[in-house]
PDB file of N, CA and C in Angstrom:
ATOM      1  N   MET A   1     -30.823 -31.419  22.279  1.00  0.00           N
ATOM      2  CA  MET A   1     -30.039 -32.865  22.273  1.00  0.00           C
ATOM      3  C   MET A   1     -29.306 -32.575  23.496  1.00  0.00           C
ATOM      4  N   ARG A   2     -29.149 -33.762  24.301  1.00  0.00           N
ATOM      5  CA  ARG A   2     -28.606 -33.673  25.420  1.00  0.00           C
ATOM      6  C   ARG A   2     -26.854 -33.917  25.645  1.00  0.00           C
ATOM      7  N   MET A   3     -26.155 -33.157  26.273  1.00  0.00           N
ATOM      8  CA  MET A   3     -25.243 -33.009  26.432  1.00  0.00           C
ATOM      9  C   MET A   3     -24.292 -32.792  27.879  1.00  0.00           C
ATOM     10  N   LYS A   4     -23.147 -33.583  27.859  1.00  0.00           N
ATOM     11  CA  LYS A   4     -22.019 -33.229  29.242  1.00  0.00           C
ATOM     12  C   LYS A   4     -21.346 -32.149  28.654  1.00  0.00           C
ATOM     13  N   LYS A   5     -20.944 -31.967  30.623  1.00  0.00           N
ATOM     14  CA  LYS A   5     -20.064 -30.782  30.076  1.00  0.00           C
ATOM     15  C   LYS A   5     -18.933 -31.282  29.561  1.00  0.00           C
ATOM     16  N   THR A   6     -18.727 -32.503  29.962  1.00  0.00           N
ATOM     17  CA  THR A   6     -16.974 -33.476  29.388  1.00  0.00           C
ATOM     18  C   THR A   6     -17.186 -33.710  27.837  1.00  0.00           C
ATOM     19  N   THR A   7     -18.348 -34.184  27.823  1.00  0.00           N
ATOM     20  CA  THR A   7     -18.250 -34.440  26.362  1.00  0.00           C
ATOM     21  C   THR A   7     -18.079 -33.093  25.135  1.00  0.00           C
ATOM     22  N   ALA A   8     -19.285 -31.856  25.750  1.00  0.00           N
ATOM     23  CA  ALA A   8     -18.568 -30.132  25.069  1.00  0.00           C
ATOM     24  C   ALA A   8     -17.379 -30.104  24.906  1.00  0.00           C
ATOM     25  N   ALA A   9     -16.634 -30.793  26.246  1.00  0.00           N
ATOM     26  CA  ALA A   9     -15.143 -29.786  26.260  1.00  0.00           C
ATOM     27  C   ALA A   9     -14.518 -30.962  25.541  1.00  0.00           C
ATOM     28  N   ARG A  10     -14.714 -32.156  25.225  1.00  0.00           N
ATOM     29  CA  ARG A  10     -13.836 -32.400  24.106  1.00  0.00           C
ATOM     30  C   ARG A  10     -13.779 -32.105  22.776  1.00  0.00           C
ATOM     31  N   ILE A  11     -15.203 -32.012  21.962  1.00  0.00           N
ATOM     32  CA  ILE A  11     -15.837 -31.275  20.908  1.00  0.00           C
ATOM     33  C   ILE A  11     -14.490 -30.290  20.692  1.00  0.00           C
ATOM     34  N   PHE A  12     -14.983 -29.135  22.024  1.00  0.00           N
ATOM     35  CA  PHE A  12     -13.956 -27.871  21.702  1.00  0.00           C
ATOM     36  C   PHE A  12     -12.593 -28.413  21.721  1.00  0.00           C
ATOM     37  N   TRP A  13     -12.062 -28.924  22.629  1.00  0.00           N
ATOM     38  CA  TRP A  13     -11.053 -28.882  22.148  1.00  0.00           C
ATOM     39  C   TRP A  13     -10.181 -29.876  21.237  1.00  0.00           C
ATOM     40  N   ALA A  14     -10.974 -30.590  20.609  1.00  0.00           N
ATOM     41  CA  ALA A  14     -10.496 -31.321  19.118  1.00  0.00           C
ATOM     42  C   ALA A  14     -11.225 -30.440  17.469  1.00  0.00           C
ATOM     43  N   GLY A  15     -12.381 -29.795  17.935  1.00  0.00           N
ATOM     44  CA  GLY A  15     -12.246 -28.766  17.040  1.00  0.00           C
ATOM     45  C   GLY A  15     -11.149 -27.175  16.803  1.00  0.00           C
ATOM     46  N   ALA A  16     -10.336 -27.115  18.471  1.00  0.00           N
ATOM     47  CA  ALA A  16      -9.470 -26.019  18.785  1.00  0.00           C
ATOM     48  C   ALA A  16      -8.095 -27.124  18.494  1.00  0.00           C
ATOM     49  N   GLY A  17      -7.961 -27.944  18.269  1.00  0.00           N
ATOM     50  CA  GLY A  17      -6.941 -28.438  17.916  1.00  0.00           C
ATOM     51  C   GLY A  17      -6.548 -28.803  16.227  1.00  0.00           C
ATOM     52  N   THR A  18      -7.436 -28.925  15.814  1.00  0.00           N
ATOM     53  CA  THR A  18      -8.235 -28.986  14.519  1.00  0.00           C
ATOM     54  C   THR A  18      -7.476 -27.615  13.688  1.00  0.00           C
ATOM     55  N   CYS A  19      -8.046 -26.500  14.312  1.00  0.00           N
ATOM     56  CA  CYS A  19      -7.723 -25.338  13.830  1.00  0.00           C
ATOM     57  C   CYS A  19      -6.245 -25.107  13.956  1.00  0.00           C
ATOM     58  N   MET A  20      -6.109 -25.430  15.139  1.00  0.00           N
ATOM     59  CA  MET A  20      -4.312 -24.879  15.147  1.00  0.00           C
ATOM     60  C   MET A  20      -3.345 -25.752  14.408  1.00  0.00           C
ATOM     61  N   ILE A  21      -3.422 -26.660  14.530  1.00  0.00           N
ATOM     62  CA  ILE A  21      -2.874 -27.860  13.761  1.00  0.00           C
ATOM     63  C   ILE A  21      -2.992 -27.457  12.229  1.00  0.00           C
ATOM     64  N   SER A  22      -3.997 -27.147  11.224  1.00  0.00           N
ATOM     65  CA  SER A  22      -4.524 -26.540  10.238  1.00  0.00           C
ATOM     66  C   SER A  22      -3.614 -25.363   9.670  1.00  0.00           C
ATOM     67  N   SER A  23      -4.080 -24.211  10.905  1.00  0.00           N
ATOM     68  CA  SER A  23      -2.651 -22.893  10.926  1.00  0.00           C
ATOM     69  C   SER A  23      -1.172 -23.640  10.617  1.00  0.00           C
ATOM     70  N   GLY A  24      -1.519 -24.012  12.143  1.00  0.00           N
ATOM     71  CA  GLY A  24       0.543 -24.528  11.557  1.00  0.00           C
ATOM     72  C   GLY A  24       1.087 -25.337  10.654  1.00  0.00           C
ATOM     73  N   LEU A  25       0.275 -25.888   9.864  1.00  0.00           N
ATOM     74  CA  LEU A  25       0.912 -26.552   8.995  1.00  0.00           C
ATOM     75  C   LEU A  25       0.755 -25.565   7.548  1.00  0.00           C
ATOM     76  N   TYR A  26      -0.332 -24.986   7.730  1.00  0.00           N
ATOM     77  CA  TYR A  26      -0.618 -23.864   6.337  1.00  0.00           C
ATOM     78  C   TYR A  26       0.980 -23.612   6.300  1.00  0.00           C
ATOM     79  N   TYR A  27       0.884 -22.250   7.759  1.00  0.00           N
ATOM     80  CA  TYR A  27       1.882 -21.637   8.139  1.00  0.00           C
ATOM     81  C   TYR A  27       3.626 -21.906   7.823  1.00  0.00           C
ATOM     82  N   THR A  28       3.748 -23.029   7.958  1.00  0.00           N
ATOM     83  CA  THR A  28       5.055 -24.073   7.808  1.00  0.00           C
ATOM     84  C   THR A  28       5.231 -24.311   6.201  1.00  0.00           C
ATOM     85  N   GLY A  29       3.971 -24.132   5.621  1.00  0.00           N
ATOM     86  CA  GLY A  29       4.448 -24.754   3.802  1.00  0.00           C
ATOM     87  C   GLY A  29       3.649 -26.233   3.363  1.00  0.00           C
ATOM     88  N   LEU A  30       3.282 -27.117   5.010  1.00  0.00           N
ATOM     89  CA  LEU A  30       3.130 -28.349   4.999  1.00  0.00           C
ATOM     90  C   LEU A  30       2.005 -28.203   3.706  1.00  0.00           C
ATOM     91  N   ILE A  31       0.547 -27.731   3.788  1.00  0.00           N
ATOM     92  CA  ILE A  31      -0.605 -28.025   3.238  1.00  0.00           C
ATOM     93  C   ILE A  31      -1.456 -26.636   2.689  1.00  0.00           C
ATOM     94  N   PRO A  32      -1.222 -26.659   1.296  1.00  0.00           N
ATOM     95  CA  PRO A  32      -1.962 -25.293   0.119  1.00  0.00           C
ATOM     96  C   PRO A  32      -2.868 -24.473   1.393  1.00  0.00           C
ATOM     97  N   PHE A  33      -3.150 -23.558   1.231  1.00  0.00           N
ATOM     98  CA  PHE A  33      -4.065 -22.904   1.509  1.00  0.00           C
ATOM     99  C   PHE A  33      -5.423 -23.175   1.403  1.00  0.00           C
ATOM    100  N   PRO A  34      -6.227 -23.947   0.089  1.00  0.00           N
ATOM    101  CA  PRO A  34      -7.123 -23.754   0.022  1.00  0.00           C
ATOM    102  C   PRO A  34      -8.125 -25.120   1.145  1.00  0.00           C
ATOM    103  N   VAL A  35      -6.739 -25.958   1.141  1.00  0.00           N
ATOM    104  CA  VAL A  35      -6.883 -27.507   2.878  1.00  0.00           C
ATOM    105  C   VAL A  35      -7.279 -26.987   3.410  1.00  0.00           C
ATOM    106  N   CYS A  36      -6.222 -25.677   4.473  1.00  0.00           N
ATOM    107  CA  CYS A  36      -6.501 -25.050   5.539  1.00  0.00           C
ATOM    108  C   CYS A  36      -7.593 -24.644   5.311  1.00  0.00           C
ATOM    109  N   ALA A  37      -8.162 -23.444   4.660  1.00  0.00           N
ATOM    110  CA  ALA A  37      -9.173 -22.694   4.771  1.00  0.00           C
ATOM    111  C   ALA A  37     -10.403 -23.514   4.930  1.00  0.00           C
ATOM    112  N   ALA A  38     -10.842 -25.071   3.619  1.00  0.00           N
ATOM    113  CA  ALA A  38     -11.664 -26.033   4.022  1.00  0.00           C
ATOM    114  C   ALA A  38     -11.367 -26.481   5.686  1.00  0.00           C
ATOM    115  N   LEU A  39     -10.499 -26.894   5.977  1.00  0.00           N
ATOM    116  CA  LEU A  39     -11.001 -27.171   7.795  1.00  0.00           C
ATOM    117  C   LEU A  39     -11.214 -26.394   8.335  1.00  0.00           C
ATOM    118  N   LEU A  40     -10.647 -25.188   8.332  1.00  0.00           N
ATOM    119  CA  LEU A  40     -11.255 -24.041   8.960  1.00  0.00           C
ATOM    120  C   LEU A  40     -12.589 -23.838   9.270  1.00  0.00           C
ATOM    121  N   VAL A  41     -12.696 -23.787   7.525  1.00  0.00           N
ATOM    122  CA  VAL A  41     -14.499 -23.442   7.886  1.00  0.00           C
ATOM    123  C   VAL A  41     -15.310 -24.233   8.454  1.00  0.00           C
ATOM    124  N   VAL A  42     -15.089 -25.689   8.844  1.00  0.00           N
ATOM    125  CA  VAL A  42     -15.535 -26.400   8.920  1.00  0.00           C
ATOM    126  C   VAL A  42     -15.333 -26.690  10.756  1.00  0.00           C
ATOM    127  N   ALA A  43     -14.223 -26.832  11.308  1.00  0.00           N
ATOM    128  CA  ALA A  43     -14.071 -26.729  12.415  1.00  0.00           C
ATOM    129  C   ALA A  43     -13.981 -25.382  13.650  1.00  0.00           C
ATOM    130  N   PHE A  44     -13.682 -24.206  12.671  1.00  0.00           N
ATOM    131  CA  PHE A  44     -14.219 -23.275  13.694  1.00  0.00           C
ATOM    132  C   PHE A  44     -15.413 -23.156  14.474  1.00  0.00           C
ATOM    133  N   PRO A  45     -16.921 -22.473  13.212  1.00  0.00           N
ATOM    134  CA  PRO A  45     -17.757 -22.903  13.884  1.00  0.00           C
ATOM    135  C   PRO A  45     -18.324 -23.999  14.951  1.00  0.00           C
ATOM    136  N   VAL A  46     -17.526 -25.225  14.758  1.00  0.00           N
ATOM    137  CA  VAL A  46     -17.826 -26.558  14.868  1.00  0.00           C
ATOM    138  C   VAL A  46     -17.000 -25.946  16.884  1.00  0.00           C
ATOM    139  N   THR A  47     -16.170 -25.655  17.225  1.00  0.00           N
ATOM    140  CA  THR A  47     -15.428 -25.190  17.986  1.00  0.00           C
ATOM    141  C   THR A  47     -16.570 -23.568  18.860  1.00  0.00           C
ATOM    142  N   VAL A  48     -16.906 -23.099  18.656  1.00  0.00           N
ATOM    143  CA  VAL A  48     -17.465 -22.157  18.953  1.00  0.00           C
ATOM    144  C   VAL A  48     -18.476 -22.137  19.712  1.00  0.00           C
ATOM    145  N   LEU A  49     -19.471 -23.729  18.877  1.00  0.00           N
ATOM    146  CA  LEU A  49     -20.765 -24.278  19.188  1.00  0.00           C
ATOM    147  C   LEU A  49     -20.201 -24.725  20.431  1.00  0.00           C
ATOM    148  N   ALA A  50     -19.126 -25.928  20.026  1.00  0.00           N
ATOM    149  CA  ALA A  50     -18.796 -26.333  21.530  1.00  0.00           C
ATOM    150  C   ALA A  50     -18.468 -25.680  22.916  1.00  0.00           C
ATOM    151  N   LEU A  51     -17.822 -24.373  22.689  1.00  0.00           N
ATOM    152  CA  LEU A  51     -17.537 -24.054  23.508  1.00  0.00           C
ATOM    153  C   LEU A  51     -18.565 -23.216  24.483  1.00  0.00           C
ATOM    154  N   PHE A  52     -19.934 -22.864  23.830  1.00  0.00           N
ATOM    155  CA  PHE A  52     -20.844 -22.760  24.051  1.00  0.00           C
ATOM    156  C   PHE A  52     -21.926 -23.381  25.079  1.00  0.00           C
ATOM    157  N   PHE A  53     -21.878 -24.899  23.774  1.00  0.00           N
ATOM    158  CA  PHE A  53     -22.977 -25.927  25.182  1.00  0.00           C
ATOM    159  C   PHE A  53     -21.519 -25.806  25.810  1.00  0.00           C
ATOM    160  N   TRP A  54     -20.811 -25.860  26.502  1.00  0.00           N
ATOM    161  CA  TRP A  54     -19.693 -25.930  27.022  1.00  0.00           C
ATOM    162  C   TRP A  54     -19.604 -25.072  28.292  1.00  0.00           C
ATOM    163  N   TRP A  55     -19.885 -24.084  28.474  1.00  0.00           N
ATOM    164  CA  TRP A  55     -20.603 -22.582  28.989  1.00  0.00           C
ATOM    165  C   TRP A  55     -21.903 -22.719  29.567  1.00  0.00           C
ATOM    166  N   MET A  56     -22.862 -23.473  28.909  1.00  0.00           N
ATOM    167  CA  MET A  56     -24.168 -23.229  29.169  1.00  0.00           C
ATOM    168  C   MET A  56     -24.841 -25.023  30.295  1.00  0.00           C
ATOM    169  N   ALA A  57     -23.660 -25.568  29.691  1.00  0.00           N
ATOM    170  CA  ALA A  57     -23.910 -27.095  30.557  1.00  0.00           C
ATOM    171  C   ALA A  57     -23.904 -27.027  32.153  1.00  0.00           C
ATOM    172  N   GLY A  58     -24.981 -28.042  32.562  1.00  0.00           N
ATOM    173  CA  GLY A  58     -24.838 -28.143  33.959  1.00  0.00           C
ATOM    174  C   GLY A  58     -23.620 -29.182  34.174  1.00  0.00           C
ATOM    175  N   GLN A  59     -23.098 -29.243  35.541  1.00  0.00           N
ATOM    176  CA  GLN A  59     -22.343 -30.150  35.612  1.00  0.00           C
ATOM    177  C   GLN A  59     -22.512 -31.729  35.751  1.00  0.00           C
ATOM    178  N   SER A  60     -23.549 -32.035  36.491  1.00  0.00           N
ATOM    179  CA  SER A  60     -24.031 -33.319  36.426  1.00  0.00           C
ATOM    180  C   SER A  60     -24.982 -33.970  35.120  1.00  0.00           C
ATOM    181  N   GLY A  61     -24.449 -35.071  35.112  1.00  0.00           N
ATOM    182  CA  GLY A  61     -25.853 -35.761  33.667  1.00  0.00           C
ATOM    183  C   GLY A  61     -26.163 -34.955  32.522  1.00  0.00           C
ATOM    184  N   GLY A  62     -26.678 -35.195  32.014  1.00  0.00           N
ATOM    185  CA  GLY A  62     -27.368 -34.883  30.780  1.00  0.00           C
ATOM    186  C   GLY A  62     -28.059 -33.701  30.798  1.00  0.00           C
ATOM    187  N   ASP A  63     -27.469 -32.480  29.921  1.00  0.00           N
ATOM    188  CA  ASP A  63     -28.286 -31.006  30.061  1.00  0.00           C
ATOM    189  C   ASP A  63     -28.951 -30.693  28.677  1.00  0.00           C
ATOM    190  N   ILE A  64     -29.995 -29.715  28.381  1.00  0.00           N
ATOM    191  CA  ILE A  64     -29.933 -29.168  27.091  1.00  0.00           C
ATOM    192  C   ILE A  64     -29.957 -27.602  27.421  1.00  0.00           C
ATOM    193  N   PRO A  65     -28.575 -27.151  27.086  1.00  0.00           N
ATOM    194  CA  PRO A  65     -28.013 -26.336  26.635  1.00  0.00           C
ATOM    195  C   PRO A  65     -28.391 -25.195  26.221  1.00  0.00           C
ATOM    196  N   PHE A  66     -29.041 -24.133  26.399  1.00  0.00           N
ATOM    197  CA  PHE A  66     -29.860 -22.609  25.410  1.00  0.00           C
ATOM    198  C   PHE A  66     -28.355 -21.385  25.683  1.00  0.00           C
ATOM    199  N   ILE A  67     -28.564 -21.287  24.098  1.00  0.00           N
ATOM    200  CA  ILE A  67     -27.320 -20.403  24.061  1.00  0.00           C
ATOM    201  C   ILE A  67     -28.186 -19.307  24.025  1.00  0.00           C
ATOM    202  N   GLY A  68     -29.325 -18.623  23.711  1.00  0.00           N
ATOM    203  CA  GLY A  68     -29.608 -17.596  23.108  1.00  0.00           C
ATOM    204  C   GLY A  68     -30.115 -16.878  22.005  1.00  0.00           C
ATOM    205  N   TYR A  69     -30.470 -16.411  21.807  1.00  0.00           N
ATOM    206  CA  TYR A  69     -31.215 -15.908  20.647  1.00  0.00           C
ATOM    207  C   TYR A  69     -30.476 -14.407  20.497  1.00  0.00           C
TER     208      TYR A  69
END
């Protein structure tokens, strides 16, 4: 998958924002724990992968990021 560095950064910030907002809503009591957990289970891995893709992507054009094994 070809990904630009700015696209990976946007995905990272969207996932991080989802994690922060869902945690904040849970701590204020506006959403129950299962809803918060479901959002975190989906958003956290996306956030971590997007961070890795951002880290490895090139500055210009599309790049194929390699995270490693």
